[in-house]
Protein backbone atom coordinates (compact mmCIF):
# COMPACT_ATOMS: atom_id res chain seq x y z
CA MET A 1 -25.38 20.35 30.46
CA CYS A 2 -24.54 23.32 28.30
CA GLY A 3 -25.97 21.88 25.08
CA HIS A 4 -22.67 21.92 23.17
CA GLU A 5 -21.12 18.77 24.57
CA THR A 6 -20.60 15.79 22.31
CA SER A 7 -20.54 12.12 22.96
CA PRO A 8 -17.20 10.33 22.51
CA ASP A 9 -18.46 8.78 19.24
CA THR A 10 -19.61 12.09 17.76
CA GLY A 11 -16.34 13.75 18.75
CA ARG A 12 -14.27 11.02 17.28
CA ALA A 13 -16.28 10.92 14.08
CA GLY A 14 -15.82 14.66 13.72
CA LEU A 15 -12.04 14.32 14.17
CA VAL A 16 -11.84 11.46 11.65
CA THR A 17 -13.76 13.54 9.14
CA GLN A 18 -11.53 16.56 9.80
CA LEU A 19 -8.37 14.44 9.34
CA ALA A 20 -9.73 12.89 6.15
CA THR A 21 -10.48 16.28 4.60
CA THR A 22 -7.33 18.07 5.76
CA THR A 23 -4.56 18.40 3.22
CA ILE A 24 -0.97 18.64 4.26
CA ARG A 25 0.54 21.83 3.02
CA THR A 26 4.22 21.52 2.30
CA PRO A 27 6.32 24.01 0.45
CA PRO A 28 7.10 23.09 -3.12
CA THR A 29 10.26 21.00 -3.42
CA ARG A 30 13.24 22.13 -5.48
CA ARG A 31 16.51 20.60 -6.30
CA ILE A 32 19.66 21.79 -4.59
CA THR A 33 21.96 23.57 -7.00
CA ARG A 34 25.62 22.69 -7.67
CA ASP A 35 26.71 25.90 -6.03
CA GLU A 36 24.70 25.05 -2.90
CA ILE A 37 26.25 21.56 -2.80
CA ARG A 38 29.71 23.03 -3.18
CA ARG A 39 29.10 25.48 -0.31
CA LEU A 40 27.83 22.72 1.94
CA VAL A 41 30.81 20.49 1.14
CA ASP A 42 33.29 23.36 1.65
CA GLY A 43 31.61 24.26 4.94
CA LEU A 44 31.70 20.64 6.18
CA GLY A 45 35.34 20.39 5.12
CA GLY A 46 36.21 23.41 7.21
CA GLN A 47 34.41 21.98 10.21
CA LEU A 48 36.21 18.63 9.72
CA ALA A 49 39.60 20.42 9.71
CA ILE A 50 38.67 22.14 12.96
CA LEU A 51 37.69 18.82 14.54
CA ARG A 52 40.92 17.11 13.37
CA ALA A 53 43.04 19.98 14.85
CA ALA A 54 41.11 19.97 18.20
CA ASP A 55 42.85 18.87 21.41
CA PRO A 56 42.22 15.14 21.81
CA GLY A 57 41.56 15.65 25.52
CA GLY A 58 38.69 18.00 24.68
CA LYS A 59 36.92 15.69 22.28
CA LEU A 60 33.80 13.83 23.26
CA GLU A 61 34.21 10.10 23.39
CA VAL A 62 31.64 8.40 21.20
CA PRO A 63 30.61 4.92 22.31
CA GLY A 64 31.37 2.27 19.68
CA ASN A 65 33.81 4.49 17.83
CA SER A 66 37.23 2.93 18.12
CA ALA A 67 38.86 5.26 15.56
């Protein structure tokens, strides 16, 4: 024995205490701006146009999608 070993109960109790006192640090939330929404929609629209123009033989078949 090295003198620094803990029993399963002591180890678990220590972890429970650590979890109870730990705070989750998340970045502050902010709302997305109209300009950011517009850029996202424009970007998705461009990708949609590319997908529509793609060769049907090169498209991945999605199970359950009959369209």
